[in-house]
Amino acid sequence: MVENEQKLEISPTSISEAINISTTTASIPTEKPSPTLGVPVLNENQIKQGLLSKTIIPENKLEFQIGERVDRENKILIRGTVKNKDEESGAGFFSYCDLQKCEVTFVGQEVPKCSEVNPYGYPLSWADCCVNEEEKLIKR
């Protein structure tokens, strides 16, 4: 040992105290989940429930088919048919699915009400006219 040399002992605690480092656990930043970017999901069970609530067809007799589908930003527009499996004929229906739910807006054989089609943006080729609040047939 060299004269006037002192032996210095360093412990992990004294190092952190000497340079003022916190000994608490640092949290590692995590990536936040990105918000849904306009990817609606077609939920056939919600469509079935909507058809059951808008028709008098018993659940065990309900038969429906999706005929056309139009994908747009943040929603899916659907046109299909529904019937009682014991009967020959049925009706048409319109439904839309957005980021939260699928909803049936029209079921029937008649011209739809404007309130059942206009707010949802269904193509004019599906319904080029509708019945307004005064029960008048109008072009969409």
N, C-alpha and C. Protein backbone atom coordinates (compact mmCIF):
# COMPACT_ATOMS: atom_id res chain seq x y z
N MET A 1 0.83 -1.17 0.00
CA MET A 1 0.00 0.00 0.00
C MET A 1 0.88 1.25 0.00
N VAL A 2 0.49 2.21 -0.79
CA VAL A 2 1.26 3.43 -0.88
C VAL A 2 0.97 4.29 0.33
N GLU A 3 2.01 5.02 0.78
CA GLU A 3 1.87 5.85 1.94
C GLU A 3 0.82 6.95 1.71
N ASN A 4 0.03 7.27 2.66
CA ASN A 4 -1.06 8.24 2.66
C ASN A 4 -2.23 7.86 1.74
N GLU A 5 -2.19 6.68 1.25
CA GLU A 5 -3.30 6.22 0.41
C GLU A 5 -4.34 5.62 1.31
N GLN A 6 -5.56 5.94 1.08
CA GLN A 6 -6.64 5.41 1.91
C GLN A 6 -7.43 4.41 1.09
N LYS A 7 -7.88 3.42 1.78
CA LYS A 7 -8.71 2.40 1.14
C LYS A 7 -10.15 2.89 1.20
N LEU A 8 -10.76 2.92 0.05
CA LEU A 8 -12.13 3.41 -0.03
C LEU A 8 -13.03 2.24 -0.35
N GLU A 9 -14.01 2.01 0.47
CA GLU A 9 -14.97 0.94 0.21
C GLU A 9 -16.26 1.58 -0.29
N ILE A 10 -16.74 1.02 -1.39
CA ILE A 10 -17.96 1.57 -1.98
C ILE A 10 -19.04 0.50 -1.95
N SER A 11 -20.17 0.86 -1.43
CA SER A 11 -21.30 -0.05 -1.42
C SER A 11 -22.36 0.48 -2.37
N PRO A 12 -23.24 -0.38 -2.86
CA PRO A 12 -24.28 0.10 -3.77
C PRO A 12 -25.11 1.23 -3.16
N THR A 13 -25.35 1.19 -1.86
CA THR A 13 -26.13 2.24 -1.23
C THR A 13 -25.38 3.55 -1.24
N SER A 14 -24.09 3.51 -0.89
CA SER A 14 -23.34 4.76 -0.83
C SER A 14 -23.15 5.37 -2.22
N ILE A 15 -23.08 4.56 -3.26
CA ILE A 15 -22.96 5.09 -4.62
C ILE A 15 -24.23 5.84 -4.98
N SER A 16 -25.39 5.21 -4.76
CA SER A 16 -26.63 5.89 -5.12
C SER A 16 -26.84 7.13 -4.29
N GLU A 17 -26.40 7.11 -3.02
CA GLU A 17 -26.51 8.31 -2.20
C GLU A 17 -25.55 9.38 -2.69
N ALA A 18 -24.37 8.96 -3.09
CA ALA A 18 -23.36 9.92 -3.52
C ALA A 18 -23.78 10.64 -4.81
N ILE A 19 -24.40 9.93 -5.72
CA ILE A 19 -24.79 10.58 -6.97
C ILE A 19 -26.29 10.87 -7.02
N ASN A 20 -26.95 10.69 -5.90
CA ASN A 20 -28.35 11.07 -5.71
C ASN A 20 -29.28 10.35 -6.69
N ILE A 21 -29.11 9.06 -6.85
CA ILE A 21 -29.96 8.26 -7.71
C ILE A 21 -31.06 7.63 -6.86
N SER A 22 -32.25 7.71 -7.37
CA SER A 22 -33.38 7.12 -6.67
C SER A 22 -33.31 5.62 -6.83
N THR A 23 -33.62 4.90 -5.78
CA THR A 23 -33.61 3.44 -5.84
C THR A 23 -35.00 2.88 -6.07
N THR A 24 -35.96 3.73 -6.40
CA THR A 24 -37.30 3.24 -6.68
C THR A 24 -37.34 2.62 -8.07
N THR A 25 -38.24 1.71 -8.25
CA THR A 25 -38.38 1.04 -9.54
C THR A 25 -38.96 2.00 -10.56
N ALA A 26 -38.28 2.10 -11.66
CA ALA A 26 -38.78 2.97 -12.73
C ALA A 26 -39.80 2.20 -13.54
N SER A 27 -40.85 2.88 -13.95
CA SER A 27 -41.82 2.20 -14.80
C SER A 27 -41.37 2.32 -16.25
N ILE A 28 -41.51 1.23 -16.94
CA ILE A 28 -41.13 1.19 -18.34
C ILE A 28 -42.33 1.66 -19.14
N PRO A 29 -42.13 2.65 -20.00
CA PRO A 29 -43.27 3.12 -20.78
C PRO A 29 -43.80 2.02 -21.68
N THR A 30 -45.10 1.90 -21.69
CA THR A 30 -45.71 0.90 -22.55
C THR A 30 -46.46 1.60 -23.66
N GLU A 31 -46.60 0.91 -24.74
CA GLU A 31 -47.31 1.49 -25.88
C GLU A 31 -48.80 1.48 -25.57
N LYS A 32 -49.42 2.64 -25.74
CA LYS A 32 -50.86 2.73 -25.51
C LYS A 32 -51.56 2.10 -26.70
N PRO A 33 -52.67 1.39 -26.44
CA PRO A 33 -53.39 0.83 -27.58
C PRO A 33 -53.94 1.96 -28.45
N SER A 34 -53.79 1.79 -29.73
CA SER A 34 -54.29 2.82 -30.63
C SER A 34 -55.80 2.72 -30.71
N PRO A 35 -56.47 3.84 -30.92
CA PRO A 35 -57.92 3.80 -31.04
C PRO A 35 -58.31 3.02 -32.28
N THR A 36 -59.51 2.45 -32.27
CA THR A 36 -60.00 1.70 -33.42
C THR A 36 -60.04 2.63 -34.62
N LEU A 37 -59.47 2.18 -35.70
CA LEU A 37 -59.38 3.02 -36.89
C LEU A 37 -60.44 2.65 -37.91
N GLY A 38 -61.69 2.78 -37.54
CA GLY A 38 -62.76 2.57 -38.49
C GLY A 38 -62.91 1.16 -39.00
N VAL A 39 -62.86 0.18 -38.11
CA VAL A 39 -63.00 -1.21 -38.52
C VAL A 39 -64.23 -1.81 -37.83
N PRO A 40 -65.42 -1.57 -38.38
CA PRO A 40 -66.61 -2.15 -37.77
C PRO A 40 -66.65 -3.66 -37.98
N VAL A 41 -67.36 -4.33 -37.12
CA VAL A 41 -67.46 -5.78 -37.20
C VAL A 41 -68.91 -6.17 -37.49
N LEU A 42 -69.08 -7.05 -38.44
CA LEU A 42 -70.41 -7.56 -38.77
C LEU A 42 -70.78 -8.60 -37.71
N ASN A 43 -71.81 -8.30 -36.92
CA ASN A 43 -72.23 -9.19 -35.84
C ASN A 43 -73.60 -9.76 -36.21
N GLU A 44 -73.60 -10.98 -36.76
CA GLU A 44 -74.84 -11.58 -37.22
C GLU A 44 -75.82 -11.85 -36.08
N ASN A 45 -75.33 -12.08 -34.88
CA ASN A 45 -76.24 -12.30 -33.75
C ASN A 45 -77.02 -11.03 -33.43
N GLN A 46 -76.36 -9.87 -33.49
CA GLN A 46 -77.07 -8.60 -33.25
C GLN A 46 -78.10 -8.36 -34.37
N ILE A 47 -77.76 -8.71 -35.60
CA ILE A 47 -78.72 -8.57 -36.70
C ILE A 47 -79.91 -9.50 -36.45
N LYS A 48 -79.64 -10.72 -36.04
CA LYS A 48 -80.72 -11.67 -35.75
C LYS A 48 -81.63 -11.13 -34.65
N GLN A 49 -81.05 -10.59 -33.58
CA GLN A 49 -81.85 -10.04 -32.48
C GLN A 49 -82.68 -8.86 -32.97
N GLY A 50 -82.10 -8.02 -33.83
CA GLY A 50 -82.85 -6.90 -34.39
C GLY A 50 -84.02 -7.36 -35.24
N LEU A 51 -83.80 -8.42 -36.03
CA LEU A 51 -84.88 -8.96 -36.86
C LEU A 51 -85.99 -9.57 -36.00
N LEU A 52 -85.61 -10.24 -34.93
CA LEU A 52 -86.60 -10.82 -34.02
C LEU A 52 -87.46 -9.71 -33.37
N SER A 53 -86.84 -8.59 -33.06
CA SER A 53 -87.59 -7.52 -32.41
C SER A 53 -88.48 -6.75 -33.40
N LYS A 54 -88.19 -6.79 -34.68
CA LYS A 54 -88.97 -6.05 -35.68
C LYS A 54 -89.95 -6.93 -36.46
N THR A 55 -89.95 -8.23 -36.19
CA THR A 55 -90.89 -9.14 -36.87
C THR A 55 -91.65 -9.94 -35.83
N ILE A 56 -92.60 -10.73 -36.30
CA ILE A 56 -93.34 -11.63 -35.39
C ILE A 56 -92.89 -13.07 -35.59
N ILE A 57 -91.73 -13.25 -36.23
CA ILE A 57 -91.23 -14.60 -36.50
C ILE A 57 -90.60 -15.16 -35.23
N PRO A 58 -90.99 -16.37 -34.81
CA PRO A 58 -90.36 -17.00 -33.64
C PRO A 58 -88.88 -17.28 -33.92
N GLU A 59 -88.08 -17.21 -32.88
CA GLU A 59 -86.62 -17.39 -33.03
C GLU A 59 -86.26 -18.70 -33.72
N ASN A 60 -86.96 -19.79 -33.38
CA ASN A 60 -86.62 -21.09 -33.97
C ASN A 60 -87.07 -21.22 -35.42
N LYS A 61 -87.79 -20.23 -35.94
CA LYS A 61 -88.28 -20.26 -37.33
C LYS A 61 -87.63 -19.15 -38.19
N LEU A 62 -86.86 -18.27 -37.55
CA LEU A 62 -86.26 -17.15 -38.25
C LEU A 62 -85.13 -17.62 -39.17
N GLU A 63 -85.20 -17.17 -40.40
CA GLU A 63 -84.17 -17.48 -41.37
C GLU A 63 -83.83 -16.18 -42.08
N PHE A 64 -82.55 -15.82 -42.13
CA PHE A 64 -82.18 -14.59 -42.84
C PHE A 64 -80.89 -14.81 -43.61
N GLN A 65 -80.76 -14.01 -44.66
CA GLN A 65 -79.55 -14.06 -45.48
C GLN A 65 -79.10 -12.64 -45.76
N ILE A 66 -77.80 -12.46 -45.75
CA ILE A 66 -77.23 -11.17 -46.13
C ILE A 66 -76.99 -11.25 -47.64
N GLY A 67 -77.63 -10.32 -48.36
CA GLY A 67 -77.52 -10.32 -49.81
C GLY A 67 -76.41 -9.42 -50.32
N GLU A 68 -76.38 -8.20 -49.84
CA GLU A 68 -75.37 -7.24 -50.26
C GLU A 68 -74.76 -6.58 -49.04
N ARG A 69 -73.51 -6.21 -49.21
CA ARG A 69 -72.78 -5.55 -48.13
C ARG A 69 -71.94 -4.45 -48.76
N VAL A 70 -72.00 -3.26 -48.16
CA VAL A 70 -71.18 -2.14 -48.61
C VAL A 70 -70.34 -1.70 -47.42
N ASP A 71 -69.02 -1.74 -47.58
CA ASP A 71 -68.12 -1.30 -46.53
C ASP A 71 -67.76 0.16 -46.75
N ARG A 72 -68.02 0.96 -45.74
CA ARG A 72 -67.67 2.38 -45.77
C ARG A 72 -66.86 2.68 -44.52
N GLU A 73 -66.23 3.85 -44.50
CA GLU A 73 -65.44 4.20 -43.33
C GLU A 73 -66.32 4.20 -42.09
N ASN A 74 -65.93 3.44 -41.11
CA ASN A 74 -66.60 3.34 -39.81
C ASN A 74 -67.96 2.65 -39.82
N LYS A 75 -68.39 2.05 -40.95
CA LYS A 75 -69.66 1.33 -40.92
C LYS A 75 -69.75 0.33 -42.07
N ILE A 76 -70.64 -0.63 -41.87
CA ILE A 76 -70.97 -1.61 -42.89
C ILE A 76 -72.48 -1.50 -43.11
N LEU A 77 -72.88 -1.38 -44.37
CA LEU A 77 -74.30 -1.32 -44.72
C LEU A 77 -74.69 -2.68 -45.29
N ILE A 78 -75.84 -3.19 -44.86
CA ILE A 78 -76.26 -4.54 -45.22
C ILE A 78 -77.69 -4.51 -45.75
N ARG A 79 -77.90 -5.27 -46.82
CA ARG A 79 -79.24 -5.50 -47.34
C ARG A 79 -79.40 -7.01 -47.41
N GLY A 80 -80.54 -7.48 -46.92
CA GLY A 80 -80.76 -8.91 -46.92
C GLY A 80 -82.23 -9.26 -46.95
N THR A 81 -82.48 -10.55 -46.75
CA THR A 81 -83.86 -11.04 -46.70
C THR A 81 -84.07 -11.81 -45.41
N VAL A 82 -85.33 -11.81 -44.97
CA VAL A 82 -85.71 -12.52 -43.76
C VAL A 82 -87.04 -13.21 -44.02
N LYS A 83 -87.20 -14.40 -43.43
CA LYS A 83 -88.48 -15.10 -43.58
C LYS A 83 -88.65 -16.12 -42.49
N ASN A 84 -89.90 -16.55 -42.35
CA ASN A 84 -90.23 -17.67 -41.49
C ASN A 84 -89.93 -18.92 -42.31
N LYS A 85 -89.11 -19.82 -41.79
CA LYS A 85 -88.70 -20.98 -42.59
C LYS A 85 -89.87 -21.88 -43.00
N ASP A 86 -91.03 -21.72 -42.38
CA ASP A 86 -92.21 -22.50 -42.76
C ASP A 86 -93.02 -21.83 -43.87
N GLU A 87 -92.61 -20.64 -44.30
CA GLU A 87 -93.37 -19.90 -45.30
C GLU A 87 -92.54 -19.72 -46.57
N GLU A 88 -93.24 -19.49 -47.68
CA GLU A 88 -92.59 -19.31 -48.98
C GLU A 88 -91.90 -17.97 -49.12
N SER A 89 -92.61 -16.90 -48.75
CA SER A 89 -92.07 -15.56 -48.98
C SER A 89 -91.61 -14.93 -47.68
N GLY A 90 -90.91 -13.82 -47.84
CA GLY A 90 -90.42 -13.11 -46.66
C GLY A 90 -90.39 -11.62 -46.93
N ALA A 91 -89.40 -10.97 -46.42
CA ALA A 91 -89.29 -9.52 -46.55
C ALA A 91 -87.82 -9.15 -46.71
N GLY A 92 -87.61 -7.90 -47.10
CA GLY A 92 -86.26 -7.37 -47.17
C GLY A 92 -85.91 -6.68 -45.86
N PHE A 93 -84.63 -6.48 -45.63
CA PHE A 93 -84.22 -5.70 -44.47
C PHE A 93 -82.95 -4.92 -44.78
N PHE A 94 -82.78 -3.83 -44.07
CA PHE A 94 -81.56 -3.02 -44.11
C PHE A 94 -80.99 -2.98 -42.70
N SER A 95 -79.69 -3.08 -42.62
CA SER A 95 -79.02 -3.01 -41.33
C SER A 95 -77.68 -2.31 -41.53
N TYR A 96 -77.21 -1.72 -40.46
CA TYR A 96 -75.86 -1.15 -40.51
C TYR A 96 -75.11 -1.60 -39.27
N CYS A 97 -73.81 -1.70 -39.41
CA CYS A 97 -72.93 -2.00 -38.29
C CYS A 97 -71.92 -0.87 -38.21
N ASP A 98 -71.77 -0.29 -37.02
CA ASP A 98 -70.74 0.72 -36.84
C ASP A 98 -69.71 0.16 -35.85
N LEU A 99 -68.95 1.01 -35.21
CA LEU A 99 -67.90 0.53 -34.32
C LEU A 99 -68.44 -0.06 -33.02
N GLN A 100 -69.70 0.23 -32.68
CA GLN A 100 -70.26 -0.26 -31.43
C GLN A 100 -71.27 -1.40 -31.59
N LYS A 101 -72.06 -1.36 -32.67
CA LYS A 101 -73.18 -2.30 -32.74
C LYS A 101 -73.64 -2.49 -34.18
N CYS A 102 -74.49 -3.49 -34.35
CA CYS A 102 -75.24 -3.67 -35.59
C CYS A 102 -76.70 -3.43 -35.26
N GLU A 103 -77.39 -2.70 -36.14
CA GLU A 103 -78.79 -2.37 -35.90
C GLU A 103 -79.59 -2.56 -37.18
N VAL A 104 -80.74 -3.19 -37.04
CA VAL A 104 -81.67 -3.33 -38.16
C VAL A 104 -82.53 -2.08 -38.17
N THR A 105 -82.56 -1.38 -39.31
CA THR A 105 -83.33 -0.13 -39.37
C THR A 105 -84.62 -0.27 -40.16
N PHE A 106 -84.72 -1.29 -41.03
CA PHE A 106 -85.93 -1.48 -41.83
C PHE A 106 -86.13 -2.96 -42.09
N VAL A 107 -87.39 -3.41 -41.95
CA VAL A 107 -87.81 -4.75 -42.35
C VAL A 107 -89.18 -4.60 -42.99
N GLY A 108 -89.35 -5.13 -44.18
CA GLY A 108 -90.67 -5.07 -44.79
C GLY A 108 -90.65 -5.33 -46.28
N GLN A 109 -91.85 -5.31 -46.86
CA GLN A 109 -92.02 -5.47 -48.30
C GLN A 109 -92.42 -4.15 -48.94
N GLU A 110 -92.73 -3.17 -48.13
CA GLU A 110 -93.18 -1.88 -48.63
C GLU A 110 -91.99 -0.93 -48.81
N VAL A 111 -92.30 0.27 -49.29
CA VAL A 111 -91.28 1.31 -49.41
C VAL A 111 -90.92 1.74 -47.99
N PRO A 112 -89.62 1.83 -47.68
CA PRO A 112 -89.25 2.21 -46.31
C PRO A 112 -89.55 3.67 -46.00
N LYS A 113 -89.70 3.95 -44.72
CA LYS A 113 -89.84 5.33 -44.26
C LYS A 113 -88.48 6.01 -44.43
N CYS A 114 -88.50 7.29 -44.73
CA CYS A 114 -87.25 8.04 -44.90
C CYS A 114 -86.38 7.96 -43.65
N SER A 115 -87.02 7.96 -42.48
CA SER A 115 -86.27 7.88 -41.22
C SER A 115 -85.57 6.53 -41.03
N GLU A 116 -85.99 5.52 -41.79
CA GLU A 116 -85.38 4.19 -41.68
C GLU A 116 -84.20 4.01 -42.63
N VAL A 117 -84.06 4.92 -43.60
CA VAL A 117 -82.99 4.75 -44.58
C VAL A 117 -82.05 5.95 -44.71
N ASN A 118 -82.59 7.16 -44.69
CA ASN A 118 -81.75 8.33 -44.96
C ASN A 118 -80.62 8.56 -43.96
N PRO A 119 -80.85 8.43 -42.66
CA PRO A 119 -79.76 8.72 -41.71
C PRO A 119 -78.55 7.78 -41.85
N TYR A 120 -78.73 6.64 -42.49
CA TYR A 120 -77.69 5.63 -42.51
C TYR A 120 -76.89 5.59 -43.82
N GLY A 121 -77.37 6.29 -44.84
CA GLY A 121 -76.62 6.37 -46.09
C GLY A 121 -76.70 5.13 -46.97
N TYR A 122 -77.80 4.40 -46.90
CA TYR A 122 -77.95 3.23 -47.77
C TYR A 122 -77.91 3.68 -49.23
N PRO A 123 -77.34 2.86 -50.10
CA PRO A 123 -77.27 3.23 -51.52
C PRO A 123 -78.65 3.48 -52.12
N LEU A 124 -78.72 4.41 -53.05
CA LEU A 124 -79.98 4.70 -53.74
C LEU A 124 -80.46 3.49 -54.53
N SER A 125 -79.56 2.64 -54.97
CA SER A 125 -79.97 1.45 -55.70
C SER A 125 -80.74 0.47 -54.81
N TRP A 126 -80.62 0.60 -53.50
CA TRP A 126 -81.38 -0.25 -52.58
C TRP A 126 -82.76 0.33 -52.32
N ALA A 127 -82.84 1.63 -52.25
CA ALA A 127 -84.13 2.32 -52.02
C ALA A 127 -83.98 3.71 -52.61
N ASP A 128 -84.57 3.90 -53.81
CA ASP A 128 -84.43 5.20 -54.46
C ASP A 128 -85.50 6.18 -54.03
N CYS A 129 -86.47 5.72 -53.28
CA CYS A 129 -87.49 6.61 -52.72
C CYS A 129 -87.86 6.11 -51.32
N CYS A 130 -88.54 6.96 -50.60
CA CYS A 130 -88.97 6.62 -49.25
C CYS A 130 -90.22 7.41 -48.91
N VAL A 131 -90.85 7.06 -47.82
CA VAL A 131 -92.08 7.72 -47.37
C VAL A 131 -91.70 8.70 -46.26
N ASN A 132 -92.05 9.98 -46.48
CA ASN A 132 -91.69 11.00 -45.49
C ASN A 132 -92.69 11.03 -44.33
N GLU A 133 -92.51 12.01 -43.43
CA GLU A 133 -93.36 12.12 -42.24
C GLU A 133 -94.81 12.42 -42.57
N GLU A 134 -95.05 13.02 -43.73
CA GLU A 134 -96.43 13.31 -44.14
C GLU A 134 -97.03 12.16 -44.93
N GLU A 135 -96.36 11.02 -44.90
CA GLU A 135 -96.79 9.81 -45.63
C GLU A 135 -96.79 9.99 -47.14
N LYS A 136 -95.92 10.87 -47.64
CA LYS A 136 -95.79 11.09 -49.07
C LYS A 136 -94.55 10.39 -49.60
N LEU A 137 -94.67 9.80 -50.76
CA LEU A 137 -93.55 9.13 -51.41
C LEU A 137 -92.64 10.19 -52.02
N ILE A 138 -91.35 10.14 -51.65
CA ILE A 138 -90.40 11.12 -52.19
C ILE A 138 -89.15 10.41 -52.70
N LYS A 139 -88.48 11.03 -53.66
CA LYS A 139 -87.20 10.54 -54.17
C LYS A 139 -86.13 10.86 -53.14
N ARG A 140 -85.20 9.96 -52.99
CA ARG A 140 -84.08 10.20 -52.09
C ARG A 140 -82.97 10.94 -52.80
